[in-house]
All heavy atoms as atom14 arrays in JSON, in Angstrom:
{
  "sequence": "NGGTALFSHIMQELAKEQNEWKNNTVLTLLSRLTA",
  "atom14_mask": [
    [1, 1, 1, 1, 1, 1, 1, 1, 0, 0, 0, 0, 0, 0],
    [1, 1, 1, 1, 0, 0, 0, 0, 0, 0, 0, 0, 0, 0],
    [1, 1, 1, 1, 0, 0, 0, 0, 0, 0, 0, 0, 0, 0],
    [1, 1, 1, 1, 1, 1, 1, 0, 0, 0, 0, 0, 0, 0],
    [1, 1, 1, 1, 1, 0, 0, 0, 0, 0, 0, 0, 0, 0],
    [1, 1, 1, 1, 1, 1, 1, 1, 0, 0, 0, 0, 0, 0],
    [1, 1, 1, 1, 1, 1, 1, 1, 1, 1, 1, 0, 0, 0],
    [1, 1, 1, 1, 1, 1, 0, 0, 0, 0, 0, 0, 0, 0],
    [1, 1, 1, 1, 1, 1, 1, 1, 1, 1, 0, 0, 0, 0],
    [1, 1, 1, 1, 1, 1, 1, 1, 0, 0, 0, 0, 0, 0],
    [1, 1, 1, 1, 1, 1, 1, 1, 0, 0, 0, 0, 0, 0],
    [1, 1, 1, 1, 1, 1, 1, 1, 1, 0, 0, 0, 0, 0],
    [1, 1, 1, 1, 1, 1, 1, 1, 1, 0, 0, 0, 0, 0],
    [1, 1, 1, 1, 1, 1, 1, 1, 0, 0, 0, 0, 0, 0],
    [1, 1, 1, 1, 1, 0, 0, 0, 0, 0, 0, 0, 0, 0],
    [1, 1, 1, 1, 1, 1, 1, 1, 1, 0, 0, 0, 0, 0],
    [1, 1, 1, 1, 1, 1, 1, 1, 1, 0, 0, 0, 0, 0],
    [1, 1, 1, 1, 1, 1, 1, 1, 1, 0, 0, 0, 0, 0],
    [1, 1, 1, 1, 1, 1, 1, 1, 0, 0, 0, 0, 0, 0],
    [1, 1, 1, 1, 1, 1, 1, 1, 1, 0, 0, 0, 0, 0],
    [1, 1, 1, 1, 1, 1, 1, 1, 1, 1, 1, 1, 1, 1],
    [1, 1, 1, 1, 1, 1, 1, 1, 1, 0, 0, 0, 0, 0],
    [1, 1, 1, 1, 1, 1, 1, 1, 0, 0, 0, 0, 0, 0],
    [1, 1, 1, 1, 1, 1, 1, 1, 0, 0, 0, 0, 0, 0],
    [1, 1, 1, 1, 1, 1, 1, 0, 0, 0, 0, 0, 0, 0],
    [1, 1, 1, 1, 1, 1, 1, 0, 0, 0, 0, 0, 0, 0],
    [1, 1, 1, 1, 1, 1, 1, 1, 0, 0, 0, 0, 0, 0],
    [1, 1, 1, 1, 1, 1, 1, 0, 0, 0, 0, 0, 0, 0],
    [1, 1, 1, 1, 1, 1, 1, 1, 0, 0, 0, 0, 0, 0],
    [1, 1, 1, 1, 1, 1, 1, 1, 0, 0, 0, 0, 0, 0],
    [1, 1, 1, 1, 1, 1, 0, 0, 0, 0, 0, 0, 0, 0],
    [1, 1, 1, 1, 1, 1, 1, 1, 1, 1, 1, 0, 0, 0],
    [1, 1, 1, 1, 1, 1, 1, 1, 0, 0, 0, 0, 0, 0],
    [1, 1, 1, 1, 1, 1, 1, 0, 0, 0, 0, 0, 0, 0],
    [1, 1, 1, 1, 1, 0, 0, 0, 0, 0, 0, 0, 0, 0]
  ],
  "atom14_positions": [
    [[171.85, 70.17, 129.02], [172.43, 70.49, 130.32], [172.74, 69.22, 131.13], [172.8, 69.25, 132.35], [171.48, 71.42, 131.1], [172.15, 72.11, 132.25], [173.2, 72.71, 132.1], [171.55, 72.0, 133.43], [0.0, 0.0, 0.0], [0.0, 0.0, 0.0], [0.0, 0.0, 0.0], [0.0, 0.0, 0.0], [0.0, 0.0, 0.0], [0.0, 0.0, 0.0]],
    [[172.89, 68.1, 130.47], [173.24, 66.87, 131.16], [172.05, 66.12, 131.74], [172.22, 65.22, 132.56], [0.0, 0.0, 0.0], [0.0, 0.0, 0.0], [0.0, 0.0, 0.0], [0.0, 0.0, 0.0], [0.0, 0.0, 0.0], [0.0, 0.0, 0.0], [0.0, 0.0, 0.0], [0.0, 0.0, 0.0], [0.0, 0.0, 0.0], [0.0, 0.0, 0.0]],
    [[170.85, 66.5, 131.36], [169.66, 65.78, 131.81], [168.98, 66.38, 133.03], [167.97, 65.84, 133.48], [0.0, 0.0, 0.0], [0.0, 0.0, 0.0], [0.0, 0.0, 0.0], [0.0, 0.0, 0.0], [0.0, 0.0, 0.0], [0.0, 0.0, 0.0], [0.0, 0.0, 0.0], [0.0, 0.0, 0.0], [0.0, 0.0, 0.0], [0.0, 0.0, 0.0]],
    [[169.5, 67.48, 133.55], [168.85, 68.16, 134.67], [168.96, 69.67, 134.48], [169.92, 70.16, 133.87], [169.51, 67.81, 136.03], [170.83, 68.32, 136.06], [169.51, 66.33, 136.29], [0.0, 0.0, 0.0], [0.0, 0.0, 0.0], [0.0, 0.0, 0.0], [0.0, 0.0, 0.0], [0.0, 0.0, 0.0], [0.0, 0.0, 0.0], [0.0, 0.0, 0.0]],
    [[167.98, 70.38, 135.02], [168.04, 71.84, 134.94], [167.08, 72.46, 135.95], [166.0, 71.93, 136.2], [167.69, 72.33, 133.54], [0.0, 0.0, 0.0], [0.0, 0.0, 0.0], [0.0, 0.0, 0.0], [0.0, 0.0, 0.0], [0.0, 0.0, 0.0], [0.0, 0.0, 0.0], [0.0, 0.0, 0.0], [0.0, 0.0, 0.0], [0.0, 0.0, 0.0]],
    [[167.5, 73.57, 136.5], [166.63, 74.38, 137.34], [165.79, 75.28, 136.44], [166.18, 75.59, 135.31], [167.44, 75.23, 138.31], [168.27, 74.49, 139.35], [169.17, 75.46, 140.1], [167.35, 73.75, 140.32], [0.0, 0.0, 0.0], [0.0, 0.0, 0.0], [0.0, 0.0, 0.0], [0.0, 0.0, 0.0], [0.0, 0.0, 0.0], [0.0, 0.0, 0.0]],
    [[164.66, 75.72, 136.95], [163.77, 76.6, 136.2], [164.54, 77.84, 135.71], [164.39, 78.25, 134.55], [162.58, 77.01, 137.07], [161.62, 77.92, 136.39], [160.72, 77.43, 135.46], [161.62, 79.28, 136.67], [159.83, 78.28, 134.82], [160.74, 80.13, 136.02], [159.84, 79.63, 135.11], [0.0, 0.0, 0.0], [0.0, 0.0, 0.0], [0.0, 0.0, 0.0]],
    [[165.37, 78.42, 136.58], [166.11, 79.64, 136.2], [167.03, 79.38, 135.01], [167.16, 80.22, 134.12], [166.92, 80.17, 137.38], [167.82, 79.17, 137.86], [0.0, 0.0, 0.0], [0.0, 0.0, 0.0], [0.0, 0.0, 0.0], [0.0, 0.0, 0.0], [0.0, 0.0, 0.0], [0.0, 0.0, 0.0], [0.0, 0.0, 0.0], [0.0, 0.0, 0.0]],
    [[167.67, 78.21, 134.97], [168.54, 77.88, 133.84], [167.72, 77.75, 132.55], [168.14, 78.24, 131.49], [169.29, 76.57, 134.11], [170.11, 76.12, 132.95], [171.32, 76.68, 132.64], [169.88, 75.18, 131.99], [171.81, 76.11, 131.54], [170.95, 75.2, 131.13], [0.0, 0.0, 0.0], [0.0, 0.0, 0.0], [0.0, 0.0, 0.0], [0.0, 0.0, 0.0]],
    [[166.57, 77.11, 132.65], [165.7, 76.96, 131.47], [165.3, 78.33, 130.94], [165.37, 78.58, 129.73], [164.46, 76.11, 131.83], [164.89, 74.66, 132.14], [163.43, 76.14, 130.7], [163.81, 73.81, 132.79], [0.0, 0.0, 0.0], [0.0, 0.0, 0.0], [0.0, 0.0, 0.0], [0.0, 0.0, 0.0], [0.0, 0.0, 0.0], [0.0, 0.0, 0.0]],
    [[164.93, 79.24, 131.84], [164.53, 80.58, 131.42], [165.7, 81.33, 130.77], [165.51, 82.05, 129.78], [163.95, 81.36, 132.6], [162.64, 80.79, 133.13], [161.33, 80.59, 131.89], [160.91, 82.3, 131.53], [0.0, 0.0, 0.0], [0.0, 0.0, 0.0], [0.0, 0.0, 0.0], [0.0, 0.0, 0.0], [0.0, 0.0, 0.0], [0.0, 0.0, 0.0]],
    [[166.91, 81.16, 131.32], [168.09, 81.8, 130.74], [168.35, 81.3, 129.32], [168.65, 82.08, 128.42], [169.32, 81.54, 131.6], [169.34, 82.28, 132.91], [170.46, 81.81, 133.83], [171.17, 80.85, 133.54], [170.6, 82.5, 134.96], [0.0, 0.0, 0.0], [0.0, 0.0, 0.0], [0.0, 0.0, 0.0], [0.0, 0.0, 0.0], [0.0, 0.0, 0.0]],
    [[168.23, 80.0, 129.14], [168.45, 79.42, 127.82], [167.4, 79.88, 126.82], [167.7, 80.14, 125.66], [168.5, 77.89, 127.89], [169.7, 77.35, 128.62], [171.02, 77.76, 127.98], [171.18, 77.56, 126.76], [171.89, 78.29, 128.71], [0.0, 0.0, 0.0], [0.0, 0.0, 0.0], [0.0, 0.0, 0.0], [0.0, 0.0, 0.0], [0.0, 0.0, 0.0]],
    [[166.15, 79.97, 127.27], [165.09, 80.47, 126.39], [165.36, 81.91, 125.98], [165.16, 82.28, 124.82], [163.72, 80.35, 127.08], [163.18, 78.93, 127.24], [161.94, 78.94, 128.13], [162.86, 78.3, 125.89], [0.0, 0.0, 0.0], [0.0, 0.0, 0.0], [0.0, 0.0, 0.0], [0.0, 0.0, 0.0], [0.0, 0.0, 0.0], [0.0, 0.0, 0.0]],
    [[165.83, 82.71, 126.92], [166.14, 84.12, 126.62], [167.27, 84.21, 125.59], [167.23, 85.06, 124.7], [166.51, 84.85, 127.89], [0.0, 0.0, 0.0], [0.0, 0.0, 0.0], [0.0, 0.0, 0.0], [0.0, 0.0, 0.0], [0.0, 0.0, 0.0], [0.0, 0.0, 0.0], [0.0, 0.0, 0.0], [0.0, 0.0, 0.0], [0.0, 0.0, 0.0]],
    [[168.28, 83.32, 125.7], [169.38, 83.31, 124.73], [168.86, 83.03, 123.32], [169.43, 83.51, 122.34], [170.41, 82.24, 125.09], [171.3, 82.58, 126.23], [172.29, 81.44, 126.44], [173.04, 81.59, 127.73], [173.91, 80.41, 128.0], [0.0, 0.0, 0.0], [0.0, 0.0, 0.0], [0.0, 0.0, 0.0], [0.0, 0.0, 0.0], [0.0, 0.0, 0.0]],
    [[167.81, 82.23, 123.23], [167.23, 81.88, 121.94], [166.17, 82.87, 121.49], [165.4, 82.6, 120.57], [166.62, 80.47, 122.03], [167.63, 79.39, 122.32], [166.98, 78.04, 122.62], [165.76, 77.88, 122.38], [167.69, 77.15, 123.09], [0.0, 0.0, 0.0], [0.0, 0.0, 0.0], [0.0, 0.0, 0.0], [0.0, 0.0, 0.0], [0.0, 0.0, 0.0]],
    [[166.1, 84.01, 122.17], [165.12, 85.06, 121.85], [163.69, 84.57, 122.05], [162.77, 85.04, 121.38], [165.31, 85.57, 120.41], [166.71, 86.03, 120.08], [167.17, 87.21, 120.92], [166.43, 88.16, 121.1], [168.36, 87.14, 121.45], [0.0, 0.0, 0.0], [0.0, 0.0, 0.0], [0.0, 0.0, 0.0], [0.0, 0.0, 0.0], [0.0, 0.0, 0.0]],
    [[163.51, 83.61, 122.93], [162.18, 83.09, 123.22], [161.66, 83.82, 124.44], [162.27, 83.76, 125.5], [162.26, 81.58, 123.47], [160.9, 80.95, 123.57], [160.0, 81.51, 124.16], [160.76, 79.78, 122.99], [0.0, 0.0, 0.0], [0.0, 0.0, 0.0], [0.0, 0.0, 0.0], [0.0, 0.0, 0.0], [0.0, 0.0, 0.0], [0.0, 0.0, 0.0]],
    [[160.54, 84.47, 124.3], [160.01, 85.31, 125.38], [158.78, 84.7, 126.05], [157.84, 85.42, 126.39], [159.7, 86.71, 124.83], [160.95, 87.4, 124.32], [160.68, 88.78, 123.77], [159.56, 89.31, 123.95], [161.6, 89.34, 123.15], [0.0, 0.0, 0.0], [0.0, 0.0, 0.0], [0.0, 0.0, 0.0], [0.0, 0.0, 0.0], [0.0, 0.0, 0.0]],
    [[158.8, 83.4, 126.26], [157.69, 82.78, 126.96], [157.62, 83.31, 128.39], [158.63, 83.54, 129.02], [157.84, 81.27, 127.02], [157.66, 80.56, 125.71], [157.03, 81.03, 124.6], [158.1, 79.25, 125.38], [157.06, 80.09, 123.6], [157.71, 78.99, 124.07], [158.8, 78.29, 126.08], [157.98, 77.79, 123.43], [159.08, 77.08, 125.45], [158.67, 76.84, 124.13]],
    [[156.42, 83.45, 128.88], [156.2, 83.88, 130.26], [156.48, 82.71, 131.2], [156.39, 81.54, 130.81], [154.76, 84.37, 130.45], [154.35, 85.49, 129.51], [155.03, 86.77, 129.91], [154.54, 87.91, 129.02], [155.53, 88.88, 128.73], [0.0, 0.0, 0.0], [0.0, 0.0, 0.0], [0.0, 0.0, 0.0], [0.0, 0.0, 0.0], [0.0, 0.0, 0.0]],
    [[156.77, 83.02, 132.46], [157.04, 81.98, 133.47], [155.92, 80.95, 133.54], [156.19, 79.75, 133.6], [157.22, 82.62, 134.84], [158.53, 83.35, 134.98], [159.35, 83.4, 134.06], [158.75, 83.95, 136.13], [0.0, 0.0, 0.0], [0.0, 0.0, 0.0], [0.0, 0.0, 0.0], [0.0, 0.0, 0.0], [0.0, 0.0, 0.0], [0.0, 0.0, 0.0]],
    [[154.68, 81.41, 133.55], [153.54, 80.49, 133.67], [153.46, 79.53, 132.48], [153.08, 78.37, 132.65], [152.23, 81.25, 133.83], [152.08, 81.83, 135.22], [152.77, 81.41, 136.16], [151.18, 82.79, 135.37], [0.0, 0.0, 0.0], [0.0, 0.0, 0.0], [0.0, 0.0, 0.0], [0.0, 0.0, 0.0], [0.0, 0.0, 0.0], [0.0, 0.0, 0.0]],
    [[153.79, 80.01, 131.3], [153.78, 79.15, 130.11], [154.8, 78.03, 130.27], [154.5, 76.86, 130.04], [154.09, 79.97, 128.84], [153.13, 81.01, 128.7], [154.12, 79.1, 127.6], [0.0, 0.0, 0.0], [0.0, 0.0, 0.0], [0.0, 0.0, 0.0], [0.0, 0.0, 0.0], [0.0, 0.0, 0.0], [0.0, 0.0, 0.0], [0.0, 0.0, 0.0]],
    [[156.0, 78.39, 130.69], [157.06, 77.4, 130.86], [156.69, 76.42, 131.97], [156.87, 75.2, 131.82], [158.41, 78.09, 131.15], [159.5, 77.07, 131.44], [158.81, 78.97, 129.97], [0.0, 0.0, 0.0], [0.0, 0.0, 0.0], [0.0, 0.0, 0.0], [0.0, 0.0, 0.0], [0.0, 0.0, 0.0], [0.0, 0.0, 0.0], [0.0, 0.0, 0.0]],
    [[156.16, 76.92, 133.07], [155.74, 76.03, 134.17], [154.66, 75.06, 133.72], [154.67, 73.88, 134.09], [155.26, 76.86, 135.37], [156.37, 77.58, 136.14], [155.77, 78.58, 137.13], [157.3, 76.6, 136.83], [0.0, 0.0, 0.0], [0.0, 0.0, 0.0], [0.0, 0.0, 0.0], [0.0, 0.0, 0.0], [0.0, 0.0, 0.0], [0.0, 0.0, 0.0]],
    [[153.73, 75.54, 132.9], [152.68, 74.67, 132.37], [153.27, 73.57, 131.49], [152.92, 72.4, 131.61], [151.64, 75.48, 131.56], [151.02, 76.42, 132.45], [150.59, 74.6, 130.93], [0.0, 0.0, 0.0], [0.0, 0.0, 0.0], [0.0, 0.0, 0.0], [0.0, 0.0, 0.0], [0.0, 0.0, 0.0], [0.0, 0.0, 0.0], [0.0, 0.0, 0.0]],
    [[154.19, 73.95, 130.61], [154.84, 72.97, 129.73], [155.64, 71.95, 130.54], [155.61, 70.75, 130.26], [155.73, 73.67, 128.71], [155.01, 74.53, 127.67], [156.01, 75.37, 126.88], [154.17, 73.67, 126.75], [0.0, 0.0, 0.0], [0.0, 0.0, 0.0], [0.0, 0.0, 0.0], [0.0, 0.0, 0.0], [0.0, 0.0, 0.0], [0.0, 0.0, 0.0]],
    [[156.34, 72.4, 131.57], [157.12, 71.5, 132.41], [156.2, 70.54, 133.17], [156.52, 69.35, 133.3], [157.98, 72.3, 133.4], [159.15, 73.06, 132.77], [159.76, 74.02, 133.79], [160.22, 72.1, 132.23], [0.0, 0.0, 0.0], [0.0, 0.0, 0.0], [0.0, 0.0, 0.0], [0.0, 0.0, 0.0], [0.0, 0.0, 0.0], [0.0, 0.0, 0.0]],
    [[155.06, 71.03, 133.64], [154.14, 70.13, 134.35], [153.51, 69.13, 133.39], [153.28, 67.97, 133.76], [153.07, 70.91, 135.11], [152.23, 71.61, 134.24], [0.0, 0.0, 0.0], [0.0, 0.0, 0.0], [0.0, 0.0, 0.0], [0.0, 0.0, 0.0], [0.0, 0.0, 0.0], [0.0, 0.0, 0.0], [0.0, 0.0, 0.0], [0.0, 0.0, 0.0]],
    [[153.29, 69.51, 132.14], [152.78, 68.55, 131.14], [153.81, 67.46, 130.87], [153.48, 66.28, 130.75], [152.44, 69.27, 129.83], [151.17, 70.08, 129.9], [150.9, 70.72, 128.56], [149.8, 71.68, 128.66], [149.51, 72.58, 127.75], [150.24, 72.66, 126.63], [148.5, 73.4, 127.91], [0.0, 0.0, 0.0], [0.0, 0.0, 0.0], [0.0, 0.0, 0.0]],
    [[155.07, 67.87, 130.75], [156.14, 66.9, 130.51], [156.28, 65.94, 131.7], [156.55, 64.76, 131.52], [157.46, 67.62, 130.24], [157.57, 68.28, 128.87], [158.72, 69.28, 128.82], [157.73, 67.22, 127.78], [0.0, 0.0, 0.0], [0.0, 0.0, 0.0], [0.0, 0.0, 0.0], [0.0, 0.0, 0.0], [0.0, 0.0, 0.0], [0.0, 0.0, 0.0]],
    [[156.05, 66.45, 132.89], [156.09, 65.61, 134.09], [154.92, 64.63, 134.07], [155.1, 63.44, 134.35], [156.06, 66.48, 135.36], [157.18, 67.38, 135.33], [156.12, 65.64, 136.62], [0.0, 0.0, 0.0], [0.0, 0.0, 0.0], [0.0, 0.0, 0.0], [0.0, 0.0, 0.0], [0.0, 0.0, 0.0], [0.0, 0.0, 0.0], [0.0, 0.0, 0.0]],
    [[153.74, 65.11, 133.7], [152.56, 64.25, 133.63], [152.71, 63.16, 132.57], [152.19, 62.06, 132.72], [151.31, 65.08, 133.35], [0.0, 0.0, 0.0], [0.0, 0.0, 0.0], [0.0, 0.0, 0.0], [0.0, 0.0, 0.0], [0.0, 0.0, 0.0], [0.0, 0.0, 0.0], [0.0, 0.0, 0.0], [0.0, 0.0, 0.0], [0.0, 0.0, 0.0]]
  ]
}
């Protein structure tokens, strides 16, 4: 997505890939990547 993305876009892309991660899972992974 050009190096930036909103949470909603990330969730949309995951849904397209049939990935059903919960919001909290994705938020945890994003905070780990930030750390």
